[in-house]
C-alpha atoms as a PDB file:
ATOM      1  CA  UNK A   1     107.049  48.036 108.129  1.00  0.00           C
ATOM      2  CA  UNK A   2     105.185  47.229 111.342  1.00  0.00           C
ATOM      3  CA  UNK A   3     107.889  48.890 113.457  1.00  0.00           C
ATOM      4  CA  UNK A   4     107.657  52.045 111.359  1.00  0.00           C
ATOM      5  CA  UNK A   5     103.875  52.176 111.723  1.00  0.00           C
ATOM      6  CA  UNK A   6     104.117  51.670 115.482  1.00  0.00           C
ATOM      7  CA  UNK A   7     106.735  54.422 115.760  1.00  0.00           C
ATOM      8  CA  UNK A   8     104.628  56.876 113.763  1.00  0.00           C
ATOM      9  CA  UNK A   9     101.539  56.068 115.787  1.00  0.00           C
ATOM     10  CA  UNK A  10     103.529  56.755 118.919  1.00  0.00           C
ATOM     11  CA  UNK A  11     104.618  60.167 117.674  1.00  0.00           C
ATOM     12  CA  UNK A  12     100.991  61.242 117.278  1.00  0.00           C
ATOM     13  CA  UNK A  13      99.659  59.675 120.458  1.00  0.00           C
ATOM     14  CA  UNK A  14      97.833  62.393 122.332  1.00  0.00           C
ATOM     15  CA  UNK A  15      98.729  65.034 119.704  1.00  0.00           C
ATOM     16  CA  UNK A  16      96.233  67.767 118.877  1.00  0.00           C
ATOM     17  CA  UNK A  17      96.611  70.478 116.233  1.00  0.00           C
ATOM     18  CA  UNK A  18      97.702  73.888 117.552  1.00  0.00           C
ATOM     19  CA  UNK A  19      95.046  76.544 117.959  1.00  0.00           C
ATOM     20  CA  UNK A  20      97.099  79.178 116.158  1.00  0.00           C
ATOM     21  CA  UNK A  21      97.321  78.854 112.394  1.00  0.00           C
ATOM     22  CA  UNK A  22     100.832  78.517 110.997  1.00  0.00           C
ATOM     23  CA  UNK A  23     101.981  81.366 108.783  1.00  0.00           C
ATOM     24  CA  UNK A  24     100.587  81.029 105.276  1.00  0.00           C
ATOM     25  CA  UNK A  25     100.509  83.108 102.134  1.00  0.00           C
ATOM     26  CA  UNK A  26      98.679  83.181  98.818  1.00  0.00           C
ATOM     27  CA  UNK A  27     100.249  83.973  95.446  1.00  0.00           C
ATOM     28  CA  UNK A  28      98.679  85.258  92.252  1.00  0.00           C
ATOM     29  CA  UNK A  29     100.849  85.259  89.119  1.00  0.00           C
ATOM     30  CA  UNK A  30      99.655  88.574  87.700  1.00  0.00           C
ATOM     31  CA  UNK A  31     102.695  89.794  85.779  1.00  0.00           C
ATOM     32  CA  UNK A  32     101.546  88.650  82.353  1.00  0.00           C
ATOM     33  CA  UNK A  33      98.097  90.211  82.924  1.00  0.00           C
ATOM     34  CA  UNK A  34      99.524  93.704  83.448  1.00  0.00           C
ATOM     35  CA  UNK A  35     100.391  96.080  80.575  1.00  0.00           C
ATOM     36  CA  UNK A  36     103.705  95.529  78.810  1.00  0.00           C
ATOM     37  CA  UNK A  37     106.508  97.588  80.318  1.00  0.00           C
ATOM     38  CA  UNK A  38     105.001  97.926  83.795  1.00  0.00           C
ATOM     39  CA  UNK A  39     108.172  96.749  85.528  1.00  0.00           C
ATOM     40  CA  UNK A  40     110.432  99.098  83.574  1.00  0.00           C
ATOM     41  CA  UNK A  41     108.091 102.005  84.297  1.00  0.00           C
ATOM     42  CA  UNK A  42     108.162 101.418  88.040  1.00  0.00           C
ATOM     43  CA  UNK A  43     111.914 100.867  88.108  1.00  0.00           C
ATOM     44  CA  UNK A  44     112.298 104.192  86.301  1.00  0.00           C
ATOM     45  CA  UNK A  45     110.098 105.849  88.938  1.00  0.00           C
ATOM     46  CA  UNK A  46     112.317 104.320  91.619  1.00  0.00           C
ATOM     47  CA  UNK A  47     115.468 105.554  89.884  1.00  0.00           C
ATOM     48  CA  UNK A  48     114.127 109.114  89.732  1.00  0.00           C
ATOM     49  CA  UNK A  49     112.021 109.415  92.878  1.00  0.00           C
ATOM     50  CA  UNK A  50     113.250 107.024  95.576  1.00  0.00           C
ATOM     51  CA  UNK A  51     114.285 108.672  98.838  1.00  0.00           C
ATOM     52  CA  UNK A  52     116.727 107.284 101.400  1.00  0.00           C
ATOM     53  CA  UNK A  53     116.011 107.368 105.112  1.00  0.00           C
ATOM     54  CA  UNK A  54     117.318 105.768 108.283  1.00  0.00           C
ATOM     55  CA  UNK A  55     114.873 103.542 110.161  1.00  0.00           C
ATOM     56  CA  UNK A  56     115.030 103.340 113.955  1.00  0.00           C
ATOM     57  CA  UNK A  57     112.844 100.836 115.866  1.00  0.00           C
ATOM     58  CA  UNK A  58     110.816 103.269 117.964  1.00  0.00           C
ATOM     59  CA  UNK A  59     107.325 101.818 117.367  1.00  0.00           C
ATOM     60  CA  UNK A  60     105.588  98.884 119.046  1.00  0.00           C
ATOM     61  CA  UNK A  61     105.578  96.719 115.920  1.00  0.00           C
ATOM     62  CA  UNK A  62     109.380  96.806 115.487  1.00  0.00           C
ATOM     63  CA  UNK A  63     111.340  93.638 116.237  1.00  0.00           C
ATOM     64  CA  UNK A  64     114.883  94.996 116.207  1.00  0.00           C
ATOM     65  CA  UNK A  65     117.563  95.647 118.791  1.00  0.00           C
ATOM     66  CA  UNK A  66     117.083  99.056 120.378  1.00  0.00           C
ATOM     67  CA  UNK A  67     120.218 100.557 118.808  1.00  0.00           C
ATOM     68  CA  UNK A  68     119.480  99.416 115.230  1.00  0.00           C
ATOM     69  CA  UNK A  69     119.750 102.012 112.451  1.00  0.00           C
ATOM     70  CA  UNK A  70     118.688 100.555 109.088  1.00  0.00           C
ATOM     71  CA  UNK A  71     118.964 102.376 105.733  1.00  0.00           C
ATOM     72  CA  UNK A  72     115.772 102.345 103.664  1.00  0.00           C
ATOM     73  CA  UNK A  73     115.082 103.431 100.093  1.00  0.00           C
ATOM     74  CA  UNK A  74     111.540 103.857  98.837  1.00  0.00           C
ATOM     75  CA  UNK A  75     109.093 105.825  96.739  1.00  0.00           C
ATOM     76  CA  UNK A  76     106.316 107.046  99.018  1.00  0.00           C
ATOM     77  CA  UNK A  77     102.718 106.328  98.118  1.00  0.00           C
ATOM     78  CA  UNK A  78     101.845 109.948  97.364  1.00  0.00           C
ATOM     79  CA  UNK A  79     104.671 110.135  94.824  1.00  0.00           C
ATOM     80  CA  UNK A  80     103.768 106.740  93.393  1.00  0.00           C
ATOM     81  CA  UNK A  81     100.135 107.795  92.858  1.00  0.00           C
ATOM     82  CA  UNK A  82     101.326 110.880  91.002  1.00  0.00           C
ATOM     83  CA  UNK A  83     103.983 109.143  88.894  1.00  0.00           C
ATOM     84  CA  UNK A  84     102.200 105.819  88.221  1.00  0.00           C
ATOM     85  CA  UNK A  85      98.483 106.283  88.993  1.00  0.00           C
ATOM     86  CA  UNK A  86      97.610 102.851  87.609  1.00  0.00           C
ATOM     87  CA  UNK A  87      99.246 101.300  90.682  1.00  0.00           C
ATOM     88  CA  UNK A  88      96.653 103.000  92.884  1.00  0.00           C
ATOM     89  CA  UNK A  89      93.904 101.840  90.526  1.00  0.00           C
ATOM     90  CA  UNK A  90      95.065  98.257  91.072  1.00  0.00           C
ATOM     91  CA  UNK A  91      95.291  98.783  94.840  1.00  0.00           C
ATOM     92  CA  UNK A  92      91.761 100.155  95.062  1.00  0.00           C
ATOM     93  CA  UNK A  93      90.306  97.865  92.393  1.00  0.00           C
ATOM     94  CA  UNK A  94      91.427  94.485  91.068  1.00  0.00           C
ATOM     95  CA  UNK A  95      94.088  93.741  93.685  1.00  0.00           C
ATOM     96  CA  UNK A  96      91.662  94.631  96.449  1.00  0.00           C
ATOM     97  CA  UNK A  97      89.143  92.209  94.940  1.00  0.00           C
ATOM     98  CA  UNK A  98      91.779  89.460  94.803  1.00  0.00           C
ATOM     99  CA  UNK A  99      92.720  90.089  98.424  1.00  0.00           C
ATOM    100  CA  UNK A 100      89.096  89.928  99.534  1.00  0.00           C
ATOM    101  CA  UNK A 101      88.909  86.335  98.309  1.00  0.00           C
ATOM    102  CA  UNK A 102      91.204  85.468 101.194  1.00  0.00           C
ATOM    103  CA  UNK A 103      89.665  87.665 103.892  1.00  0.00           C
ATOM    104  CA  UNK A 104      86.689  87.047 106.147  1.00  0.00           C
ATOM    105  CA  UNK A 105      85.319  90.550 105.539  1.00  0.00           C
ATOM    106  CA  UNK A 106      85.653  93.386 103.005  1.00  0.00           C
ATOM    107  CA  UNK A 107      89.021  95.100 102.814  1.00  0.00           C
ATOM    108  CA  UNK A 108      89.199  98.777 103.683  1.00  0.00           C
ATOM    109  CA  UNK A 109      91.556 101.285 102.080  1.00  0.00           C
ATOM    110  CA  UNK A 110      93.826 103.531 104.101  1.00  0.00           C
ATOM    111  CA  UNK A 111      93.225 107.226 104.704  1.00  0.00           C
ATOM    112  CA  UNK A 112      96.401 108.401 102.942  1.00  0.00           C
ATOM    113  CA  UNK A 113      98.349 107.330  99.864  1.00  0.00           C
ATOM    114  CA  UNK A 114     101.527 106.904 101.907  1.00  0.00           C
ATOM    115  CA  UNK A 115      99.852 104.454 104.236  1.00  0.00           C
ATOM    116  CA  UNK A 116      98.378 102.599 101.281  1.00  0.00           C
ATOM    117  CA  UNK A 117     101.347 102.156  98.971  1.00  0.00           C
ATOM    118  CA  UNK A 118     105.111 102.160  98.802  1.00  0.00           C
ATOM    119  CA  UNK A 119     107.729 101.083  96.269  1.00  0.00           C
ATOM    120  CA  UNK A 120     110.554  99.630  98.346  1.00  0.00           C
ATOM    121  CA  UNK A 121     114.021  99.235  96.880  1.00  0.00           C
ATOM    122  CA  UNK A 122     117.116  97.410  98.087  1.00  0.00           C
ATOM    123  CA  UNK A 123     120.479  97.887  96.404  1.00  0.00           C
ATOM    124  CA  UNK A 124     123.604  95.933  97.261  1.00  0.00           C
ATOM    125  CA  UNK A 125     124.695  94.216 100.443  1.00  0.00           C
ATOM    126  CA  UNK A 126     124.185  96.954 103.046  1.00  0.00           C
ATOM    127  CA  UNK A 127     120.397  97.297 102.932  1.00  0.00           C
ATOM    128  CA  UNK A 128     117.588  95.141 104.306  1.00  0.00           C
ATOM    129  CA  UNK A 129     113.997  95.749 105.329  1.00  0.00           C
ATOM    130  CA  UNK A 130     113.518  95.993 109.125  1.00  0.00           C
ATOM    131  CA  UNK A 131     112.199  93.164 111.262  1.00  0.00           C
ATOM    132  CA  UNK A 132     108.636  93.846 112.379  1.00  0.00           C
ATOM    133  CA  UNK A 133     105.092  92.584 112.693  1.00  0.00           C
ATOM    134  CA  UNK A 134     102.268  94.147 110.697  1.00  0.00           C
ATOM    135  CA  UNK A 135      99.346  96.079 112.153  1.00  0.00           C
ATOM    136  CA  UNK A 136      97.118  95.511 109.119  1.00  0.00           C
ATOM    137  CA  UNK A 137      95.377  92.146 108.631  1.00  0.00           C
ATOM    138  CA  UNK A 138      96.126  91.904 104.884  1.00  0.00           C
ATOM    139  CA  UNK A 139      99.413  92.864 103.250  1.00  0.00           C
ATOM    140  CA  UNK A 140      99.868  92.817  99.485  1.00  0.00           C
ATOM    141  CA  UNK A 141     103.279  92.608  97.789  1.00  0.00           C
ATOM    142  CA  UNK A 142     103.801  92.955  94.037  1.00  0.00           C
ATOM    143  CA  UNK A 143     107.346  91.949  93.060  1.00  0.00           C
ATOM    144  CA  UNK A 144     109.279  93.630  90.262  1.00  0.00           C
ATOM    145  CA  UNK A 145     112.404  91.486  90.594  1.00  0.00           C
ATOM    146  CA  UNK A 146     113.374  87.857  91.194  1.00  0.00           C
ATOM    147  CA  UNK A 147     114.915  86.692  94.459  1.00  0.00           C
ATOM    148  CA  UNK A 148     116.744  83.386  94.895  1.00  0.00           C
ATOM    149  CA  UNK A 149     119.078  81.780  97.387  1.00  0.00           C
ATOM    150  CA  UNK A 150     121.935  83.016  95.199  1.00  0.00           C
ATOM    151  CA  UNK A 151     120.764  86.666  95.057  1.00  0.00           C
ATOM    152  CA  UNK A 152     119.503  86.927  98.643  1.00  0.00           C
ATOM    153  CA  UNK A 153     116.667  89.304  99.433  1.00  0.00           C
ATOM    154  CA  UNK A 154     114.355  86.570 100.694  1.00  0.00           C
ATOM    155  CA  UNK A 155     111.394  87.369 102.924  1.00  0.00           C
ATOM    156  CA  UNK A 156     112.239  85.716 106.256  1.00  0.00           C
ATOM    157  CA  UNK A 157     109.208  84.874 108.432  1.00  0.00           C
ATOM    158  CA  UNK A 158     109.537  83.578 111.973  1.00  0.00           C
ATOM    159  CA  UNK A 159     107.640  80.502 113.084  1.00  0.00           C
ATOM    160  CA  UNK A 160     108.158  81.755 116.626  1.00  0.00           C
ATOM    161  CA  UNK A 161     105.552  84.412 117.319  1.00  0.00           C
ATOM    162  CA  UNK A 162     107.616  85.725 120.220  1.00  0.00           C
ATOM    163  CA  UNK A 163     110.850  86.379 118.290  1.00  0.00           C
ATOM    164  CA  UNK A 164     112.232  89.759 119.338  1.00  0.00           C
ATOM    165  CA  UNK A 165     114.897  90.478 116.732  1.00  0.00           C
ATOM    166  CA  UNK A 166     116.564  89.181 113.573  1.00  0.00           C
ATOM    167  CA  UNK A 167     118.671  86.566 115.364  1.00  0.00           C
ATOM    168  CA  UNK A 168     115.596  85.062 117.027  1.00  0.00           C
ATOM    169  CA  UNK A 169     113.697  85.099 113.736  1.00  0.00           C
ATOM    170  CA  UNK A 170     116.579  83.319 111.984  1.00  0.00           C
ATOM    171  CA  UNK A 171     116.599  80.599 114.650  1.00  0.00           C
ATOM    172  CA  UNK A 172     113.316  79.164 113.307  1.00  0.00           C
ATOM    173  CA  UNK A 173     112.045  80.704 110.100  1.00  0.00           C
ATOM    174  CA  UNK A 174     110.678  80.109 106.628  1.00  0.00           C
ATOM    175  CA  UNK A 175     112.335  81.978 103.757  1.00  0.00           C
ATOM    176  CA  UNK A 176     110.254  83.006 100.734  1.00  0.00           C
ATOM    177  CA  UNK A 177     112.018  83.783  97.458  1.00  0.00           C
ATOM    178  CA  UNK A 178     109.520  85.655  95.246  1.00  0.00           C
ATOM    179  CA  UNK A 179     109.579  86.067  91.468  1.00  0.00           C
ATOM    180  CA  UNK A 180     108.789  89.110  89.361  1.00  0.00           C
ATOM    181  CA  UNK A 181     105.105  89.440  88.560  1.00  0.00           C
ATOM    182  CA  UNK A 182     103.986  87.558  91.657  1.00  0.00           C
ATOM    183  CA  UNK A 183     101.410  89.162  93.945  1.00  0.00           C
ATOM    184  CA  UNK A 184     101.529  87.915  97.544  1.00  0.00           C
ATOM    185  CA  UNK A 185      98.828  88.331 100.180  1.00  0.00           C
ATOM    186  CA  UNK A 186      99.315  87.382 103.830  1.00  0.00           C
ATOM    187  CA  UNK A 187      98.549  88.279 107.430  1.00  0.00           C
ATOM    188  CA  UNK A 188     101.763  88.803 109.409  1.00  0.00           C
ATOM    189  CA  UNK A 189     100.408  90.514 112.518  1.00  0.00           C
ATOM    190  CA  UNK A 190     101.673  87.652 114.656  1.00  0.00           C
ATOM    191  CA  UNK A 191     104.782  86.558 112.758  1.00  0.00           C
ATOM    192  CA  UNK A 192     107.904  88.741 112.949  1.00  0.00           C
ATOM    193  CA  UNK A 193     109.511  89.046 109.528  1.00  0.00           C
ATOM    194  CA  UNK A 194     112.194  90.964 107.643  1.00  0.00           C
ATOM    195  CA  UNK A 195     113.940  91.024 104.259  1.00  0.00           C
ATOM    196  CA  UNK A 196     117.457  89.642 103.892  1.00  0.00           C
ATOM    197  CA  UNK A 197     120.293  91.770 102.503  1.00  0.00           C
ATOM    198  CA  UNK A 198     121.281  91.036  98.929  1.00  0.00           C
ATOM    199  CA  UNK A 199     124.485  89.083  98.361  1.00  0.00           C
ATOM    200  CA  UNK A 200     126.227  91.267  95.786  1.00  0.00           C
ATOM    201  CA  UNK A 201     126.630  95.009  95.291  1.00  0.00           C
ATOM    202  CA  UNK A 202     125.114  94.998  91.797  1.00  0.00           C
ATOM    203  CA  UNK A 203     121.831  93.266  92.758  1.00  0.00           C
ATOM    204  CA  UNK A 204     118.485  95.080  92.955  1.00  0.00           C
ATOM    205  CA  UNK A 205     115.285  94.120  94.773  1.00  0.00           C
ATOM    206  CA  UNK A 206     112.064  96.075  94.219  1.00  0.00           C
ATOM    207  CA  UNK A 207     108.521  95.491  95.460  1.00  0.00           C
ATOM    208  CA  UNK A 208     105.276  97.471  95.684  1.00  0.00           C
ATOM    209  CA  UNK A 209     103.693  97.128  99.123  1.00  0.00           C
ATOM    210  CA  UNK A 210      99.955  97.535  99.774  1.00  0.00           C
ATOM    211  CA  UNK A 211      98.224  97.835 103.132  1.00  0.00           C
ATOM    212  CA  UNK A 212      94.598  96.877 103.744  1.00  0.00           C
ATOM    213  CA  UNK A 213      92.547  97.040 106.922  1.00  0.00           C
ATOM    214  CA  UNK A 214      89.045  95.822 107.784  1.00  0.00           C
ATOM    215  CA  UNK A 215      86.127  97.000 109.887  1.00  0.00           C
ATOM    216  CA  UNK A 216      87.120  94.677 112.736  1.00  0.00           C
ATOM    217  CA  UNK A 217      90.811  95.629 112.462  1.00  0.00           C
ATOM    218  CA  UNK A 218      90.705  99.291 111.424  1.00  0.00           C
ATOM    219  CA  UNK A 219      93.467 101.683 110.459  1.00  0.00           C
ATOM    220  CA  UNK A 220      93.289 103.145 113.971  1.00  0.00           C
ATOM    221  CA  UNK A 221      95.433 100.222 115.219  1.00  0.00           C
ATOM    222  CA  UNK A 222      98.393 101.491 113.167  1.00  0.00           C
ATOM    223  CA  UNK A 223     101.147 102.244 115.720  1.00  0.00           C
ATOM    224  CA  UNK A 224     102.246 105.742 116.595  1.00  0.00           C
ATOM    225  CA  UNK A 225     105.584 106.767 115.115  1.00  0.00           C
ATOM    226  CA  UNK A 226     105.496 104.394 112.142  1.00  0.00           C
ATOM    227  CA  UNK A 227     104.677 107.058 109.561  1.00  0.00           C
ATOM    228  CA  UNK A 228     107.533 109.277 110.715  1.00  0.00           C
ATOM    229  CA  UNK A 229     110.054 106.436 110.447  1.00  0.00           C
ATOM    230  CA  UNK A 230     108.905 105.302 107.012  1.00  0.00           C
ATOM    231  CA  UNK A 231     108.042 108.601 105.329  1.00  0.00           C
ATOM    232  CA  UNK A 232     109.803 111.301 107.322  1.00  0.00           C
ATOM    233  CA  UNK A 233     108.452 113.968 109.648  1.00  0.00           C
ATOM    234  CA  UNK A 234     105.281 115.649 108.404  1.00  0.00           C
ATOM    235  CA  UNK A 235     104.664 113.163 105.562  1.00  0.00           C
ATOM    236  CA  UNK A 236     101.094 112.126 104.863  1.00  0.00           C
END
């Protein structure tokens, strides 16, 4: 016992905590508080309204190899507001209030529905969400589906703030496997992250994303070119 204590004391001799906070997230289990059928309604919107695009890492927040071309499927915020307006009511109301419990200042909404909201969908083994860092200080994610080690689709977050692509993220990362009905809030401006591909062709992953800014970190910091890659040319 004494040898173990001495060894442990030696490990912490001269150690000081790092200045930078490690990545952390907060989860609210909100699924049972929402109206019955909310998941089926949003999945139906995705089935009818989701658009496919090819993402290329042309903006400063991307953490992908320069030649990457990544297929995306999503329902843009403007369509989501029209087809399921209650999602926007949550974004501007209760969810915003929940997020503000974790922030140092009030959360500000974005100037357009597309910048505020998106319903992102992954189907099968060929799709993943691109590796990037966020520009907004608070990101909200409402999950419609379960993800496990068996299904894939985990949110992979680098512990290395300087990771430049997926391989460097994977070298030292935490993997989060969310469950349907969970609402995540986090700040990933300094932690590159991406979403794994799914492991089988018949698996589906769906999540509503919500972007919030603050007075000290305003929407103006959003990088040029991001809207065009996510929503297509001319989208607002």
